Amino acid sequence: MINTVLIGFGYWGPNIARNIFRCGGLNLYGICDIDERQLERARSIYGDRVRYFSDYNEAIGDASVEACAIALRNEAGQNAARAVLSSGRHLFMEKPMATSLDDALALKELSQKHGAVLQVDHILVYNPFIRRIKEIYDSGGLGELIAFESSRANLGPHIKKDMNAMWDLAVHDIAVLDFLCGGQEPLKVSCIGEKRYGDQEIVTYLTMKYEGFIAM
């Protein structure tokens, strides 16, 4: 059993906590959130079966903690991720892992330097339907890949202030495409977006040109 602390019990954190709690190989050791109201919400579910932290540095400093899961806004999540990986703890991170190449490479380098596993929550890659499509495609049952198209038309229950529609939603489909095509890299990428109701693009249109096929 791997003692795991969840950092961030806001919008998506409760879903991650529930799955850690139910997973046979993991032990939900603790829950961390700076907001005491969120911790009270967690206590109403898990009671005294887990520990509670208001500072992730305190959680990381606990010698019993072996891994962390992070569900925070990007800027706070980057700081917490660096602290977790620098301590040598394994990390499961809510997508997107980062919104810049430099930040992503920094996390990768930290995980390699300290021998820690870094996994991002690309949940659809583990969906049995997606895996079945991959099997059929690899066997030649679907023929050649010419075009990949995906559309998401629901912003969800609230508009995120730190994340645009591409970073929040398109990353799921990019992860699926990457899985299906065996990690091919695009030759050309273009994206446009429209901002409304805030500073983030709530509508985005992404096109990627690969060797032999196009994705949009």
C-alpha atoms as a PDB file:
ATOM      1  CA  MET A   1       0.000   0.000   0.000  1.00  0.00           C
ATOM      2  CA  ILE A   2       1.416   3.350  -1.076  1.00  0.00           C
ATOM      3  CA  ASN A   3       0.639   6.146   1.382  1.00  0.00           C
ATOM      4  CA  THR A   4      -0.726   8.965  -0.780  1.00  0.00           C
ATOM      5  CA  VAL A   5      -1.704  12.549   0.011  1.00  0.00           C
ATOM      6  CA  LEU A   6      -4.130  14.507  -2.165  1.00  0.00           C
ATOM      7  CA  ILE A   7      -3.227  18.192  -2.500  1.00  0.00           C
ATOM      8  CA  GLY A   8      -6.305  20.206  -3.451  1.00  0.00           C
ATOM      9  CA  PHE A   9      -9.841  19.199  -2.483  1.00  0.00           C
ATOM     10  CA  GLY A  10     -11.691  21.742  -4.620  1.00  0.00           C
ATOM     11  CA  TYR A  11     -13.546  21.028  -7.862  1.00  0.00           C
ATOM     12  CA  TRP A  12     -11.893  17.804  -9.078  1.00  0.00           C
ATOM     13  CA  GLY A  13     -10.013  16.761  -5.950  1.00  0.00           C
ATOM     14  CA  PRO A  14     -12.915  14.820  -4.381  1.00  0.00           C
ATOM     15  CA  ASN A  15     -13.024  12.519  -7.430  1.00  0.00           C
ATOM     16  CA  ILE A  16      -9.310  11.766  -7.132  1.00  0.00           C
ATOM     17  CA  ALA A  17      -9.601  11.223  -3.367  1.00  0.00           C
ATOM     18  CA  ARG A  18     -12.467   8.776  -3.888  1.00  0.00           C
ATOM     19  CA  ASN A  19     -10.483   6.722  -6.380  1.00  0.00           C
ATOM     20  CA  ILE A  20      -7.341   6.685  -4.237  1.00  0.00           C
ATOM     21  CA  PHE A  21      -9.474   5.551  -1.298  1.00  0.00           C
ATOM     22  CA  ARG A  22     -10.977   2.714  -3.345  1.00  0.00           C
ATOM     23  CA  CYS A  23      -7.755   1.618  -5.058  1.00  0.00           C
ATOM     24  CA  GLY A  24      -6.354  -1.596  -3.646  1.00  0.00           C
ATOM     25  CA  GLY A  25      -2.710  -0.588  -4.078  1.00  0.00           C
ATOM     26  CA  LEU A  26      -3.026   2.866  -2.511  1.00  0.00           C
ATOM     27  CA  ASN A  27      -3.773   4.212   0.937  1.00  0.00           C
ATOM     28  CA  LEU A  28      -5.391   7.657   1.170  1.00  0.00           C
ATOM     29  CA  TYR A  29      -3.054   8.828   3.920  1.00  0.00           C
ATOM     30  CA  GLY A  30      -4.043  12.480   3.908  1.00  0.00           C
ATOM     31  CA  ILE A  31      -5.845  15.395   2.268  1.00  0.00           C
ATOM     32  CA  CYS A  32      -4.368  18.877   1.992  1.00  0.00           C
ATOM     33  CA  ASP A  33      -6.109  22.153   1.215  1.00  0.00           C
ATOM     34  CA  ILE A  34      -5.429  25.740   2.222  1.00  0.00           C
ATOM     35  CA  ASP A  35      -9.182  26.353   2.562  1.00  0.00           C
ATOM     36  CA  GLU A  36     -10.489  25.084   5.907  1.00  0.00           C
ATOM     37  CA  ARG A  37     -13.986  24.780   4.422  1.00  0.00           C
ATOM     38  CA  GLN A  38     -12.695  22.232   1.933  1.00  0.00           C
ATOM     39  CA  LEU A  39     -10.997  20.292   4.716  1.00  0.00           C
ATOM     40  CA  GLU A  40     -14.258  20.242   6.662  1.00  0.00           C
ATOM     41  CA  ARG A  41     -15.977  18.869   3.580  1.00  0.00           C
ATOM     42  CA  ALA A  42     -13.324  16.168   3.370  1.00  0.00           C
ATOM     43  CA  ARG A  43     -13.719  15.359   7.081  1.00  0.00           C
ATOM     44  CA  SER A  44     -17.447  14.878   6.584  1.00  0.00           C
ATOM     45  CA  ILE A  45     -16.607  12.090   4.107  1.00  0.00           C
ATOM     46  CA  TYR A  46     -13.482  10.421   5.504  1.00  0.00           C
ATOM     47  CA  GLY A  47     -13.622  11.321   9.201  1.00  0.00           C
ATOM     48  CA  ASP A  48     -10.560  10.208  11.164  1.00  0.00           C
ATOM     49  CA  ARG A  49      -9.503   7.641   8.558  1.00  0.00           C
ATOM     50  CA  VAL A  50      -7.107  10.143   6.957  1.00  0.00           C
ATOM     51  CA  ARG A  51      -4.887  12.993   8.119  1.00  0.00           C
ATOM     52  CA  TYR A  52      -5.580  16.613   7.171  1.00  0.00           C
ATOM     53  CA  PHE A  53      -3.041  19.290   6.197  1.00  0.00           C
ATOM     54  CA  SER A  54      -3.396  23.004   5.417  1.00  0.00           C
ATOM     55  CA  ASP A  55       0.159  23.281   4.034  1.00  0.00           C
ATOM     56  CA  TYR A  56       1.477  20.864   1.404  1.00  0.00           C
ATOM     57  CA  ASN A  57       5.026  21.343   2.708  1.00  0.00           C
ATOM     58  CA  GLU A  58       3.905  19.802   5.984  1.00  0.00           C
ATOM     59  CA  ALA A  59       2.397  16.863   4.109  1.00  0.00           C
ATOM     60  CA  ILE A  60       5.551  16.359   2.043  1.00  0.00           C
ATOM     61  CA  GLY A  61       7.621  16.543   5.230  1.00  0.00           C
ATOM     62  CA  ASP A  62       5.747  13.592   6.727  1.00  0.00           C
ATOM     63  CA  ALA A  63       8.097  10.609   6.437  1.00  0.00           C
ATOM     64  CA  SER A  64       5.147   8.226   5.968  1.00  0.00           C
ATOM     65  CA  VAL A  65       4.066   9.906   2.719  1.00  0.00           C
ATOM     66  CA  GLU A  66       5.276   8.064  -0.398  1.00  0.00           C
ATOM     67  CA  ALA A  67       3.251   9.734  -3.154  1.00  0.00           C
ATOM     68  CA  CYS A  68       1.065  12.774  -3.815  1.00  0.00           C
ATOM     69  CA  ALA A  69      -1.758  13.656  -6.156  1.00  0.00           C
ATOM     70  CA  ILE A  70      -2.248  17.292  -7.162  1.00  0.00           C
ATOM     71  CA  ALA A  71      -5.510  18.940  -8.222  1.00  0.00           C
ATOM     72  CA  LEU A  72      -4.742  22.663  -8.112  1.00  0.00           C
ATOM     73  CA  ARG A  73      -4.849  25.640 -10.433  1.00  0.00           C
ATOM     74  CA  ASN A  74      -1.859  25.762 -12.749  1.00  0.00           C
ATOM     75  CA  GLU A  75       0.411  28.253 -10.947  1.00  0.00           C
ATOM     76  CA  ALA A  76      -0.125  26.749  -7.499  1.00  0.00           C
ATOM     77  CA  GLY A  77       0.054  23.278  -9.007  1.00  0.00           C
ATOM     78  CA  GLN A  78       3.460  23.972 -10.559  1.00  0.00           C
ATOM     79  CA  ASN A  79       4.930  25.064  -7.228  1.00  0.00           C
ATOM     80  CA  ALA A  80       3.483  22.074  -5.403  1.00  0.00           C
ATOM     81  CA  ALA A  81       4.615  19.647  -8.117  1.00  0.00           C
ATOM     82  CA  ARG A  82       8.192  20.898  -7.932  1.00  0.00           C
ATOM     83  CA  ALA A  83       8.178  20.494  -4.157  1.00  0.00           C
ATOM     84  CA  VAL A  84       6.763  16.964  -4.344  1.00  0.00           C
ATOM     85  CA  LEU A  85       9.206  15.741  -6.990  1.00  0.00           C
ATOM     86  CA  SER A  86      12.172  17.418  -5.292  1.00  0.00           C
ATOM     87  CA  SER A  87      11.354  15.402  -2.179  1.00  0.00           C
ATOM     88  CA  GLY A  88      11.529  12.162  -4.182  1.00  0.00           C
ATOM     89  CA  ARG A  89       7.811  11.408  -3.819  1.00  0.00           C
ATOM     90  CA  HIS A  90       5.893   9.979  -6.752  1.00  0.00           C
ATOM     91  CA  LEU A  91       3.356  12.350  -8.303  1.00  0.00           C
ATOM     92  CA  PHE A  92      -0.018  11.940  -9.983  1.00  0.00           C
ATOM     93  CA  MET A  93      -0.963  15.311 -11.475  1.00  0.00           C
ATOM     94  CA  GLU A  94      -4.254  16.566 -12.812  1.00  0.00           C
ATOM     95  CA  LYS A  95      -4.053  17.729 -16.419  1.00  0.00           C
ATOM     96  CA  PRO A  96      -2.626  19.798 -17.901  1.00  0.00           C
ATOM     97  CA  MET A  97       0.783  19.017 -16.408  1.00  0.00           C
ATOM     98  CA  ALA A  98       1.889  22.519 -17.450  1.00  0.00           C
ATOM     99  CA  THR A  99       0.914  25.307 -19.833  1.00  0.00           C
ATOM    100  CA  SER A 100       4.433  25.935 -21.116  1.00  0.00           C
ATOM    101  CA  LEU A 101       7.181  23.702 -22.474  1.00  0.00           C
ATOM    102  CA  ASP A 102       9.684  25.053 -19.947  1.00  0.00           C
ATOM    103  CA  ASP A 103       7.456  24.129 -16.997  1.00  0.00           C
ATOM    104  CA  ALA A 104       6.788  20.669 -18.403  1.00  0.00           C
ATOM    105  CA  LEU A 105      10.486  19.977 -18.971  1.00  0.00           C
ATOM    106  CA  ALA A 106      11.314  21.229 -15.466  1.00  0.00           C
ATOM    107  CA  LEU A 107       8.938  18.681 -13.940  1.00  0.00           C
ATOM    108  CA  LYS A 108      10.294  15.933 -16.170  1.00  0.00           C
ATOM    109  CA  GLU A 109      13.873  16.727 -15.160  1.00  0.00           C
ATOM    110  CA  LEU A 110      12.975  16.765 -11.463  1.00  0.00           C
ATOM    111  CA  SER A 111      11.235  13.386 -11.682  1.00  0.00           C
ATOM    112  CA  GLN A 112      14.256  11.855 -13.427  1.00  0.00           C
ATOM    113  CA  LYS A 113      16.765  13.468 -11.073  1.00  0.00           C
ATOM    114  CA  HIS A 114      15.018  12.198  -7.935  1.00  0.00           C
ATOM    115  CA  GLY A 115      13.811   8.859  -9.305  1.00  0.00           C
ATOM    116  CA  ALA A 116      10.133   9.722  -8.864  1.00  0.00           C
ATOM    117  CA  VAL A 117       7.289   8.588 -11.109  1.00  0.00           C
ATOM    118  CA  LEU A 118       5.373  11.484 -12.712  1.00  0.00           C
ATOM    119  CA  GLN A 119       1.985  10.619 -14.207  1.00  0.00           C
ATOM    120  CA  VAL A 120      -0.565  13.000 -15.686  1.00  0.00           C
ATOM    121  CA  ASP A 121      -4.306  12.362 -15.501  1.00  0.00           C
ATOM    122  CA  HIS A 122      -4.971  11.544 -19.166  1.00  0.00           C
ATOM    123  CA  ILE A 123      -7.913   9.418 -18.123  1.00  0.00           C
ATOM    124  CA  LEU A 124      -9.267   8.596 -21.592  1.00  0.00           C
ATOM    125  CA  VAL A 125      -6.116   6.665 -22.515  1.00  0.00           C
ATOM    126  CA  TYR A 126      -7.281   4.036 -20.001  1.00  0.00           C
ATOM    127  CA  ASN A 127     -10.872   3.942 -21.246  1.00  0.00           C
ATOM    128  CA  PRO A 128     -11.701   0.393 -22.463  1.00  0.00           C
ATOM    129  CA  PHE A 129     -13.381   1.747 -25.604  1.00  0.00           C
ATOM    130  CA  ILE A 130     -10.298   3.769 -26.556  1.00  0.00           C
ATOM    131  CA  ARG A 131      -8.089   0.756 -25.885  1.00  0.00           C
ATOM    132  CA  ARG A 132     -10.293  -1.399 -28.090  1.00  0.00           C
ATOM    133  CA  ILE A 133     -10.081   1.150 -30.915  1.00  0.00           C
ATOM    134  CA  LYS A 134      -6.299   1.066 -30.526  1.00  0.00           C
ATOM    135  CA  GLU A 135      -6.297  -2.734 -30.840  1.00  0.00           C
ATOM    136  CA  ILE A 136      -8.444  -2.627 -33.986  1.00  0.00           C
ATOM    137  CA  TYR A 137      -6.321   0.131 -35.528  1.00  0.00           C
ATOM    138  CA  ASP A 138      -3.034  -1.640 -34.765  1.00  0.00           C
ATOM    139  CA  SER A 139      -4.392  -4.859 -36.304  1.00  0.00           C
ATOM    140  CA  GLY A 140      -5.205  -3.017 -39.549  1.00  0.00           C
ATOM    141  CA  GLY A 141      -8.953  -3.305 -39.088  1.00  0.00           C
ATOM    142  CA  LEU A 142      -9.506   0.429 -39.596  1.00  0.00           C
ATOM    143  CA  GLY A 143      -7.109   0.878 -42.481  1.00  0.00           C
ATOM    144  CA  GLU A 144      -4.894   3.951 -42.690  1.00  0.00           C
ATOM    145  CA  LEU A 145      -5.417   6.949 -40.441  1.00  0.00           C
ATOM    146  CA  ILE A 146      -6.349   9.900 -42.676  1.00  0.00           C
ATOM    147  CA  ALA A 147      -8.187  12.262 -40.334  1.00  0.00           C
ATOM    148  CA  PHE A 148      -8.879  12.555 -36.613  1.00  0.00           C
ATOM    149  CA  GLU A 149     -11.680  14.884 -35.519  1.00  0.00           C
ATOM    150  CA  SER A 150     -12.937  15.684 -32.043  1.00  0.00           C
ATOM    151  CA  SER A 151     -15.378  18.300 -30.794  1.00  0.00           C
ATOM    152  CA  ARG A 152     -16.295  19.411 -27.265  1.00  0.00           C
ATOM    153  CA  ALA A 153     -19.166  21.824 -26.891  1.00  0.00           C
ATOM    154  CA  ASN A 154     -19.642  22.103 -23.136  1.00  0.00           C
ATOM    155  CA  LEU A 155     -17.594  24.416 -20.927  1.00  0.00           C
ATOM    156  CA  GLY A 156     -18.640  22.559 -17.794  1.00  0.00           C
ATOM    157  CA  PRO A 157     -20.257  23.936 -14.620  1.00  0.00           C
ATOM    158  CA  HIS A 158     -18.019  27.010 -14.456  1.00  0.00           C
ATOM    159  CA  ILE A 159     -15.567  29.007 -16.548  1.00  0.00           C
ATOM    160  CA  LYS A 160     -12.006  28.561 -15.314  1.00  0.00           C
ATOM    161  CA  LYS A 161     -10.064  31.761 -14.757  1.00  0.00           C
ATOM    162  CA  ASP A 162      -6.607  30.215 -15.142  1.00  0.00           C
ATOM    163  CA  MET A 163      -7.204  27.849 -18.056  1.00  0.00           C
ATOM    164  CA  ASN A 164      -8.548  28.221 -21.573  1.00  0.00           C
ATOM    165  CA  ALA A 165     -10.662  25.675 -23.417  1.00  0.00           C
ATOM    166  CA  MET A 166      -7.701  24.172 -25.239  1.00  0.00           C
ATOM    167  CA  TRP A 167      -5.626  23.488 -22.124  1.00  0.00           C
ATOM    168  CA  ASP A 168      -8.651  22.295 -20.166  1.00  0.00           C
ATOM    169  CA  LEU A 169     -10.403  20.135 -22.772  1.00  0.00           C
ATOM    170  CA  ALA A 170      -8.359  19.585 -25.928  1.00  0.00           C
ATOM    171  CA  VAL A 171      -5.542  17.949 -23.959  1.00  0.00           C
ATOM    172  CA  HIS A 172      -7.812  14.906 -23.463  1.00  0.00           C
ATOM    173  CA  ASP A 173      -8.207  14.437 -27.198  1.00  0.00           C
ATOM    174  CA  ILE A 174      -4.537  15.117 -27.917  1.00  0.00           C
ATOM    175  CA  ALA A 175      -3.623  12.399 -25.407  1.00  0.00           C
ATOM    176  CA  VAL A 176      -5.977   9.952 -27.148  1.00  0.00           C
ATOM    177  CA  LEU A 177      -4.558  10.833 -30.566  1.00  0.00           C
ATOM    178  CA  ASP A 178      -1.003  10.439 -29.279  1.00  0.00           C
ATOM    179  CA  PHE A 179      -1.950   7.007 -27.913  1.00  0.00           C
ATOM    180  CA  LEU A 180      -3.631   5.863 -31.125  1.00  0.00           C
ATOM    181  CA  CYS A 181      -0.865   6.998 -33.498  1.00  0.00           C
ATOM    182  CA  GLY A 182       1.976   5.662 -31.379  1.00  0.00           C
ATOM    183  CA  GLY A 183       3.422   8.991 -30.331  1.00  0.00           C
ATOM    184  CA  GLN A 184       3.949  10.558 -33.750  1.00  0.00           C
ATOM    185  CA  GLU A 185       4.872  14.224 -33.599  1.00  0.00           C
ATOM    186  CA  PRO A 186       2.913  16.783 -35.647  1.00  0.00           C
ATOM    187  CA  LEU A 187       4.665  18.614 -38.455  1.00  0.00           C
ATOM    188  CA  LYS A 188       2.577  21.765 -38.010  1.00  0.00           C
ATOM    189  CA  VAL A 189       0.255  23.082 -35.290  1.00  0.00           C
ATOM    190  CA  SER A 190      -2.134  26.043 -35.482  1.00  0.00           C
ATOM    191  CA  CYS A 191      -4.728  27.299 -33.021  1.00  0.00           C
ATOM    192  CA  ILE A 192      -7.117  30.230 -32.755  1.00  0.00           C
ATOM    193  CA  GLY A 193      -9.439  31.212 -29.939  1.00  0.00           C
ATOM    194  CA  GLU A 194     -12.011  33.710 -28.738  1.00  0.00           C
ATOM    195  CA  LYS A 195     -12.185  35.323 -25.291  1.00  0.00           C
ATOM    196  CA  ARG A 196     -15.491  36.081 -23.616  1.00  0.00           C
ATOM    197  CA  TYR A 197     -16.477  36.575 -19.965  1.00  0.00           C
ATOM    198  CA  GLY A 198     -12.826  36.834 -18.830  1.00  0.00           C
ATOM    199  CA  ASP A 199      -9.176  36.648 -19.850  1.00  0.00           C
ATOM    200  CA  GLN A 200      -9.199  33.062 -21.116  1.00  0.00           C
ATOM    201  CA  GLU A 201     -10.295  31.753 -24.512  1.00  0.00           C
ATOM    202  CA  ILE A 202     -13.563  29.884 -24.016  1.00  0.00           C
ATOM    203  CA  VAL A 203     -13.706  28.824 -27.684  1.00  0.00           C
ATOM    204  CA  THR A 204     -10.642  27.343 -29.401  1.00  0.00           C
ATOM    205  CA  TYR A 205      -9.997  25.629 -32.707  1.00  0.00           C
ATOM    206  CA  LEU A 206      -6.869  23.486 -32.956  1.00  0.00           C
ATOM    207  CA  THR A 207      -5.451  21.885 -36.115  1.00  0.00           C
ATOM    208  CA  MET A 208      -2.419  19.584 -36.301  1.00  0.00           C
ATOM    209  CA  LYS A 209      -0.803  18.270 -39.485  1.00  0.00           C
ATOM    210  CA  TYR A 210       0.968  14.930 -39.234  1.00  0.00           C
ATOM    211  CA  GLU A 211       2.811  12.815 -41.779  1.00  0.00           C
ATOM    212  CA  GLY A 212      -0.077  11.317 -43.731  1.00  0.00           C
ATOM    213  CA  PHE A 213      -3.039  12.597 -41.702  1.00  0.00           C
ATOM    214  CA  ILE A 214      -4.605  15.677 -40.164  1.00  0.00           C
ATOM    215  CA  ALA A 215      -6.201  16.187 -36.745  1.00  0.00           C
ATOM    216  CA  MET A 216      -8.666  18.891 -35.803  1.00  0.00           C
END
